[in-house]
Protein backbone atom coordinates (compact mmCIF):
# COMPACT_ATOMS: atom_id res chain seq x y z
CA ILE A 1 87.40 110.38 97.33
CA THR A 2 85.41 107.17 97.53
CA SER A 3 85.77 103.65 96.07
CA THR A 4 83.22 102.21 95.39
CA GLU A 5 81.22 100.14 97.60
CA ASN A 6 82.02 96.38 97.33
CA THR A 7 85.72 97.18 96.03
CA ARG A 8 87.35 94.09 95.13
CA MET A 9 91.36 94.03 96.28
CA GLY A 10 94.05 93.44 93.60
CA HIS A 11 91.83 95.83 91.06
CA ILE A 12 93.10 99.79 90.06
CA LEU A 13 90.10 102.37 90.54
CA PRO A 14 91.01 105.35 89.72
CA THR A 15 88.59 107.98 91.25
CA PRO A 16 87.79 111.32 90.08
CA HIS A 17 87.89 114.71 92.38
CA ALA A 18 84.73 115.74 92.90
CA SER A 19 86.20 119.40 93.43
CA VAL A 20 89.48 120.94 93.39
CA PRO A 21 91.31 122.35 96.62
CA SER A 22 92.17 125.82 96.86
CA GLY A 23 95.48 126.29 95.62
CA ARG A 24 95.51 122.79 92.81
CA SER A 25 94.93 124.20 89.48
CA GLY A 26 92.75 121.68 88.44
CA PRO A 27 90.48 118.51 88.82
CA ARG A 28 93.20 115.76 89.72
CA SER A 29 92.19 112.06 89.54
CA THR A 30 93.27 109.80 92.64
CA VAL A 31 93.68 106.02 93.39
CA SER A 32 92.72 102.91 95.36
CA VAL A 33 94.46 100.38 95.00
CA PHE A 34 93.45 97.18 97.71
CA PRO A 35 96.68 93.71 96.87
CA SER A 36 94.92 90.20 96.90
CA SER A 37 91.84 88.71 95.46
CA THR A 38 88.94 89.06 98.21
CA ALA A 39 85.88 91.22 97.85
CA VAL A 40 86.21 94.12 100.74
CA GLY A 41 82.70 96.10 101.47
CA GLY A 42 82.12 99.49 102.87
CA ARG A 43 83.91 102.46 101.95
CA LEU A 44 87.46 104.04 101.46
CA SER A 45 87.79 108.33 101.79
CA LEU A 46 90.97 109.72 100.41
CA THR A 47 91.78 113.36 100.48
CA PRO A 48 94.48 114.25 97.98
CA SER A 49 97.87 116.33 99.20
CA SER A 50 97.92 119.29 99.80
CA PRO A 51 100.52 120.90 98.02
CA ALA A 52 104.16 120.54 100.26
CA SER A 53 105.58 123.21 101.23
CA ILE A 54 109.29 122.16 100.48
CA SER A 55 110.47 119.12 98.33
CA PRO A 56 112.99 116.97 97.74
CA PRO A 57 115.50 117.45 94.76
CA PRO A 58 114.72 115.50 92.28
CA PHE A 59 116.71 111.87 90.78
CA SER A 60 120.49 112.46 89.71
CA PRO A 61 121.03 110.95 87.00
CA SER A 62 122.69 108.09 88.51
CA GLN A 63 119.83 107.47 91.41
CA ILE A 64 118.14 107.09 88.59
CA GLU A 65 119.65 104.42 86.73
CA GLN A 66 119.99 102.54 90.38
CA ILE A 67 117.13 102.65 90.65
CA GLU A 68 115.45 101.91 87.21
CA GLN A 69 118.22 98.63 88.08
CA ILE A 70 115.89 97.65 89.97
CA TYR A 71 113.09 98.07 89.50
CA GLN A 72 114.29 95.41 85.92
CA THR A 73 115.35 93.19 88.08
CA HIS A 74 111.84 93.87 90.09
CA CYS A 75 110.54 93.30 86.68
CA ARG A 76 111.69 89.83 85.20
CA ALA A 77 111.18 88.37 88.24
CA ASN A 78 108.21 85.40 88.61
CA ARG A 79 106.50 87.18 90.97
CA ALA A 80 103.33 87.92 91.97
CA ILE A 81 103.62 91.92 91.68
CA SER A 82 106.04 91.77 89.01
CA LEU A 83 103.72 92.22 85.99
CA HIS A 84 101.17 95.04 87.88
CA LEU A 85 105.06 96.76 88.74
CA PRO A 86 104.79 99.01 85.73
CA ARG A 87 101.02 100.13 85.82
CA LEU A 88 101.80 101.00 89.32
CA ARG A 89 104.49 103.56 88.46
CA SER A 90 102.70 104.85 85.42
CA ILE A 91 99.66 105.59 88.38
CA ALA A 92 102.17 107.00 90.92
CA SER A 93 103.08 109.55 87.91
CA ASP A 94 99.96 111.22 88.48
CA CYS A 95 100.07 111.86 92.36
CA GLU A 96 102.25 114.43 94.09
CA THR A 97 102.50 112.09 97.35
CA VAL A 98 102.17 108.19 97.92
CA ILE A 99 101.78 105.84 100.59
CA GLU A 100 102.73 102.75 101.05
CA PHE A 101 101.65 99.65 103.08
CA GLY A 102 104.23 96.92 103.09
CA VAL A 103 107.58 96.97 101.39
CA LYS A 104 109.17 93.56 101.74
CA THR A 105 111.94 93.46 98.80
CA GLY A 106 110.81 96.60 97.43
CA ALA A 107 109.29 95.15 94.36
CA SER A 108 106.67 98.32 94.64
CA SER A 109 108.16 100.68 96.25
CA SER A 110 110.83 101.03 93.08
CA ALA A 111 108.01 101.13 90.46
CA LEU A 112 106.08 103.80 93.07
CA LEU A 113 109.41 105.97 93.38
CA LEU A 114 110.22 106.49 89.73
CA GLY A 115 106.28 107.38 88.97
CA VAL A 116 105.45 109.50 92.12
CA ARG A 117 106.03 113.25 91.61
CA ASP A 118 107.54 114.65 94.57
CA ARG A 119 107.43 111.97 97.99
CA LEU A 120 106.67 108.21 99.05
CA THR A 121 106.54 107.14 102.44
CA SER A 122 106.30 103.39 102.83
CA TYR A 123 105.63 101.93 106.45
CA ASP A 124 106.67 97.78 106.85
CA LEU A 125 107.02 96.08 110.44
CA LEU A 126 110.18 94.67 109.14
CA GLU A 127 113.62 96.31 107.27
CA THR A 128 115.19 93.41 104.36
CA PRO A 129 119.05 94.29 103.04
CA ALA A 130 117.58 95.06 99.71
CA ALA A 131 114.30 98.05 100.48
CA ARG A 132 117.49 99.37 102.97
CA GLN A 133 119.44 99.94 100.21
CA LEU A 134 116.83 101.39 98.18
CA ALA A 135 115.91 103.54 100.77
CA GLN A 136 119.62 104.58 100.78
CA LEU A 137 119.83 105.52 96.88
CA ALA A 138 116.09 107.63 97.00
CA GLY A 139 117.13 110.03 99.83
CA ASP A 140 114.50 111.72 100.92
CA ARG A 141 112.00 111.46 97.98
CA TRP A 142 111.86 108.41 99.91
CA ALA A 143 110.05 107.72 103.86
CA TYR A 144 110.89 104.42 105.13
CA ARG A 145 109.46 104.04 108.27
CA ILE A 146 109.53 100.21 110.45
CA GLN A 147 105.97 100.32 111.48
CA SER A 148 103.14 99.13 111.78
CA SER A 149 100.52 99.95 108.86
CA LEU A 150 97.96 100.43 112.04
CA THR A 151 99.74 102.79 113.80
CA ALA A 152 101.27 104.76 111.23
CA PRO A 153 100.22 108.29 110.73
CA VAL A 154 98.32 108.21 107.30
CA GLU A 155 98.68 111.89 105.86
CA PRO A 156 96.66 113.12 103.15
CA CYS A 157 97.87 111.48 99.87
CA ASP A 158 97.30 111.39 96.24
CA LEU A 159 97.51 107.71 96.66
CA LEU A 160 97.40 104.45 99.15
CA PHE A 161 98.43 101.44 98.07
CA ILE A 162 98.00 98.29 100.73
CA ASP A 163 99.51 95.94 99.92
CA SER A 164 100.99 94.36 103.63
CA LEU A 165 99.42 91.38 105.37
CA HIS A 166 97.17 89.43 102.73
CA THR A 167 94.15 88.25 105.25
CA TYR A 168 90.72 90.52 105.45
CA GLU A 169 91.12 90.76 109.26
CA GLN A 170 94.81 93.32 108.86
CA LEU A 171 93.55 95.35 105.76
CA HIS A 172 89.57 95.69 107.96
CA ALA A 173 91.37 96.83 110.93
CA GLU A 174 94.34 99.41 108.11
CA LEU A 175 90.82 100.78 106.98
CA THR A 176 88.58 101.55 109.72
CA ARG A 177 91.38 102.32 112.30
């Protein structure tokens, strides 16, 4: 899966799979999501995730209600990402696995958790109380790791959401490592 040349960061780019790996029932879409507002040249390749052998249990109604409350609070907040959260949740609903670089207070994480079908893995350098609370609610469906996105293992996934340090150097290092 390859994004287009000169991708504009800040846009969500659907990229259809060219072929369906064995074990899949049909073609799926993958998206690449980039932060900030500067252009990046080059290409990003993502590999679709393989079906997980053991899926985490679904959220309980109580978990869904509590995560939904956190999500709605972030949607109402006056932050740059707030207006994008419903679209991010919708995109994640077509994904089995999602990897996220940059968590902070968990705004995008809450949207991704409510959308993703199987598992979210997120990386950030600093743990925040808000993200820790969200991680406790999400249980096994969210692997919240305190680790640099520059050294984090990136398993095959359906969506890679990059919202870490908003500099060209950081994004370039994340995409070319």
